[in-house]
Amino acid sequence: MTATAIKKQFDNYMPLLTTKQQELLLEMAKSLLHIDTNEKQISVEQYNKEIEAAVKRVRGGKSVSNDDVMNEMEKW
């Protein structure tokens, strides 16, 4: 997907979000741009272990649905 296509989609979705959701998205973008150079990358093995653990949690019902997150965000 091109940068122009991404921007167009982003511009179409932004007005559909509440102000609080837009603020959250802005904070997420800002945090993505802040790269900690002291942070070490994990190994592929560690990465795979973390993915497997996350999948186990989800399959075990230890997750939060998108609807629940959106409902909680509305209270902010």
N, C-alpha and C. Protein backbone atom coordinates (compact mmCIF):
# COMPACT_ATOMS: atom_id res chain seq x y z
N MET A 1 0.85 -1.17 0.00
CA MET A 1 0.00 0.00 0.00
C MET A 1 0.90 1.24 0.00
N THR A 2 0.55 2.19 -0.79
CA THR A 2 1.37 3.40 -0.89
C THR A 2 1.08 4.35 0.27
N ALA A 3 1.99 5.27 0.51
CA ALA A 3 1.81 6.26 1.57
C ALA A 3 0.58 7.12 1.31
N THR A 4 0.33 7.41 0.05
CA THR A 4 -0.84 8.22 -0.30
C THR A 4 -2.13 7.48 0.02
N ALA A 5 -2.17 6.20 -0.28
CA ALA A 5 -3.37 5.39 0.00
C ALA A 5 -3.59 5.27 1.50
N ILE A 6 -2.51 5.09 2.23
CA ILE A 6 -2.61 4.99 3.69
C ILE A 6 -3.13 6.30 4.26
N LYS A 7 -2.58 7.42 3.82
CA LYS A 7 -3.03 8.72 4.32
C LYS A 7 -4.51 8.95 4.00
N LYS A 8 -4.93 8.57 2.80
CA LYS A 8 -6.33 8.75 2.41
C LYS A 8 -7.25 7.95 3.33
N GLN A 9 -6.90 6.68 3.60
CA GLN A 9 -7.71 5.86 4.49
C GLN A 9 -7.71 6.44 5.89
N PHE A 10 -6.55 6.85 6.35
CA PHE A 10 -6.43 7.43 7.70
C PHE A 10 -7.32 8.67 7.81
N ASP A 11 -7.27 9.53 6.81
CA ASP A 11 -8.08 10.75 6.80
C ASP A 11 -9.57 10.43 6.78
N ASN A 12 -9.95 9.32 6.16
CA ASN A 12 -11.36 8.92 6.14
C ASN A 12 -11.83 8.39 7.50
N TYR A 13 -10.95 7.74 8.23
CA TYR A 13 -11.34 7.14 9.51
C TYR A 13 -11.30 8.14 10.67
N MET A 14 -10.40 9.08 10.63
CA MET A 14 -10.24 10.01 11.76
C MET A 14 -11.54 10.70 12.19
N PRO A 15 -12.35 11.23 11.27
CA PRO A 15 -13.57 11.91 11.70
C PRO A 15 -14.59 10.96 12.36
N LEU A 16 -14.43 9.66 12.15
CA LEU A 16 -15.36 8.69 12.74
C LEU A 16 -15.05 8.40 14.20
N LEU A 17 -13.87 8.79 14.65
CA LEU A 17 -13.44 8.54 16.02
C LEU A 17 -13.87 9.67 16.94
N THR A 18 -14.08 9.32 18.21
CA THR A 18 -14.35 10.35 19.19
C THR A 18 -13.07 11.14 19.44
N THR A 19 -13.21 12.28 20.09
CA THR A 19 -12.03 13.10 20.39
C THR A 19 -11.05 12.30 21.25
N LYS A 20 -11.56 11.58 22.22
CA LYS A 20 -10.68 10.78 23.08
C LYS A 20 -9.96 9.70 22.29
N GLN A 21 -10.65 9.07 21.35
CA GLN A 21 -10.02 8.06 20.51
C GLN A 21 -8.94 8.68 19.63
N GLN A 22 -9.22 9.88 19.11
CA GLN A 22 -8.22 10.57 18.31
C GLN A 22 -6.99 10.91 19.14
N GLU A 23 -7.22 11.35 20.40
CA GLU A 23 -6.10 11.65 21.30
C GLU A 23 -5.27 10.39 21.56
N LEU A 24 -5.95 9.27 21.78
CA LEU A 24 -5.26 8.01 22.03
C LEU A 24 -4.41 7.62 20.82
N LEU A 25 -4.98 7.75 19.65
CA LEU A 25 -4.25 7.42 18.43
C LEU A 25 -3.03 8.32 18.25
N LEU A 26 -3.19 9.60 18.57
CA LEU A 26 -2.07 10.53 18.49
C LEU A 26 -0.96 10.13 19.46
N GLU A 27 -1.33 9.77 20.69
CA GLU A 27 -0.33 9.33 21.68
C GLU A 27 0.37 8.06 21.22
N MET A 28 -0.37 7.14 20.59
CA MET A 28 0.24 5.92 20.08
C MET A 28 1.26 6.25 19.00
N ALA A 29 0.90 7.16 18.09
CA ALA A 29 1.82 7.55 17.02
C ALA A 29 3.08 8.18 17.60
N LYS A 30 2.89 9.05 18.60
CA LYS A 30 4.05 9.68 19.23
C LYS A 30 4.95 8.65 19.89
N SER A 31 4.34 7.65 20.54
CA SER A 31 5.15 6.65 21.23
C SER A 31 5.90 5.77 20.22
N LEU A 32 5.32 5.55 19.05
CA LEU A 32 6.01 4.78 18.02
C LEU A 32 7.24 5.51 17.51
N LEU A 33 7.20 6.82 17.51
CA LEU A 33 8.32 7.61 17.03
C LEU A 33 9.44 7.74 18.05
N HIS A 34 9.13 7.45 19.31
CA HIS A 34 10.15 7.51 20.36
C HIS A 34 10.81 6.14 20.46
N ILE A 35 12.00 6.06 19.91
CA ILE A 35 12.73 4.79 19.89
C ILE A 35 13.81 4.83 20.95
N ASP A 36 13.77 3.86 21.84
CA ASP A 36 14.76 3.78 22.91
C ASP A 36 15.98 3.04 22.38
N THR A 37 17.09 3.76 22.20
CA THR A 37 18.29 3.15 21.65
C THR A 37 18.97 2.22 22.64
N ASN A 38 18.61 2.29 23.92
CA ASN A 38 19.20 1.40 24.92
C ASN A 38 18.49 0.05 24.98
N GLU A 39 17.34 -0.03 24.35
CA GLU A 39 16.56 -1.26 24.38
C GLU A 39 17.20 -2.30 23.47
N LYS A 40 17.40 -3.49 24.02
CA LYS A 40 17.99 -4.57 23.23
C LYS A 40 16.88 -5.36 22.56
N GLN A 41 17.16 -5.84 21.35
CA GLN A 41 16.20 -6.69 20.66
C GLN A 41 16.21 -8.06 21.30
N ILE A 42 15.04 -8.69 21.32
CA ILE A 42 14.97 -10.05 21.86
C ILE A 42 15.30 -11.04 20.74
N SER A 43 15.63 -12.24 21.14
CA SER A 43 15.96 -13.28 20.17
C SER A 43 14.68 -13.79 19.52
N VAL A 44 14.85 -14.47 18.39
CA VAL A 44 13.72 -15.08 17.71
C VAL A 44 13.07 -16.11 18.63
N GLU A 45 13.89 -16.84 19.39
CA GLU A 45 13.35 -17.84 20.30
C GLU A 45 12.48 -17.18 21.38
N GLN A 46 12.96 -16.08 21.95
CA GLN A 46 12.20 -15.38 22.98
C GLN A 46 10.92 -14.80 22.39
N TYR A 47 11.02 -14.25 21.20
CA TYR A 47 9.86 -13.71 20.50
C TYR A 47 8.79 -14.80 20.33
N ASN A 48 9.22 -15.96 19.85
CA ASN A 48 8.29 -17.07 19.64
C ASN A 48 7.67 -17.54 20.95
N LYS A 49 8.44 -17.56 22.04
CA LYS A 49 7.91 -17.94 23.34
C LYS A 49 6.82 -16.96 23.78
N GLU A 50 7.07 -15.68 23.57
CA GLU A 50 6.09 -14.66 23.96
C GLU A 50 4.82 -14.77 23.13
N ILE A 51 4.96 -15.05 21.85
CA ILE A 51 3.79 -15.24 20.99
C ILE A 51 3.00 -16.46 21.45
N GLU A 52 3.68 -17.57 21.71
CA GLU A 52 3.00 -18.77 22.17
C GLU A 52 2.27 -18.53 23.49
N ALA A 53 2.89 -17.79 24.40
CA ALA A 53 2.25 -17.49 25.68
C ALA A 53 1.00 -16.63 25.47
N ALA A 54 1.09 -15.68 24.56
CA ALA A 54 -0.07 -14.81 24.27
C ALA A 54 -1.21 -15.62 23.66
N VAL A 55 -0.89 -16.52 22.75
CA VAL A 55 -1.91 -17.36 22.12
C VAL A 55 -2.58 -18.23 23.18
N LYS A 56 -1.79 -18.77 24.12
CA LYS A 56 -2.34 -19.59 25.20
C LYS A 56 -3.32 -18.78 26.04
N ARG A 57 -2.94 -17.54 26.37
CA ARG A 57 -3.81 -16.68 27.17
C ARG A 57 -5.14 -16.43 26.45
N VAL A 58 -5.07 -16.14 25.17
CA VAL A 58 -6.28 -15.87 24.41
C VAL A 58 -7.15 -17.12 24.33
N ARG A 59 -6.54 -18.24 24.03
CA ARG A 59 -7.31 -19.50 23.95
C ARG A 59 -7.89 -19.89 25.29
N GLY A 60 -7.24 -19.47 26.35
CA GLY A 60 -7.72 -19.76 27.70
C GLY A 60 -8.76 -18.75 28.18
N GLY A 61 -9.14 -17.85 27.30
CA GLY A 61 -10.17 -16.87 27.65
C GLY A 61 -9.66 -15.68 28.43
N LYS A 62 -8.36 -15.54 28.52
CA LYS A 62 -7.77 -14.43 29.27
C LYS A 62 -7.42 -13.29 28.33
N SER A 63 -8.47 -12.70 27.76
CA SER A 63 -8.27 -11.58 26.86
C SER A 63 -9.45 -10.62 27.01
N VAL A 64 -9.32 -9.46 26.41
CA VAL A 64 -10.37 -8.45 26.45
C VAL A 64 -10.84 -8.23 25.03
N SER A 65 -12.15 -8.28 24.82
CA SER A 65 -12.68 -8.10 23.47
C SER A 65 -12.54 -6.64 23.04
N ASN A 66 -12.54 -6.43 21.75
CA ASN A 66 -12.47 -5.09 21.21
C ASN A 66 -13.66 -4.26 21.69
N ASP A 67 -14.84 -4.86 21.73
CA ASP A 67 -16.03 -4.15 22.20
C ASP A 67 -15.86 -3.68 23.64
N ASP A 68 -15.29 -4.55 24.50
CA ASP A 68 -15.06 -4.16 25.89
C ASP A 68 -14.08 -3.00 25.99
N VAL A 69 -13.04 -3.04 25.19
CA VAL A 69 -12.05 -1.95 25.18
C VAL A 69 -12.71 -0.66 24.74
N MET A 70 -13.49 -0.72 23.67
CA MET A 70 -14.15 0.48 23.15
C MET A 70 -15.14 1.04 24.19
N ASN A 71 -15.88 0.16 24.88
CA ASN A 71 -16.81 0.61 25.92
C ASN A 71 -16.04 1.27 27.06
N GLU A 72 -14.91 0.72 27.44
CA GLU A 72 -14.11 1.30 28.51
C GLU A 72 -13.56 2.66 28.08
N MET A 73 -13.13 2.77 26.84
CA MET A 73 -12.59 4.03 26.34
C MET A 73 -13.63 5.14 26.37
N GLU A 74 -14.88 4.78 26.16
CA GLU A 74 -15.94 5.79 26.17
C GLU A 74 -16.07 6.44 27.54
N LYS A 75 -15.62 5.77 28.59
CA LYS A 75 -15.71 6.31 29.96
C LYS A 75 -14.59 7.30 30.27
N TRP A 76 -13.56 7.35 29.43
CA TRP A 76 -12.43 8.22 29.69
C TRP A 76 -12.80 9.66 29.54
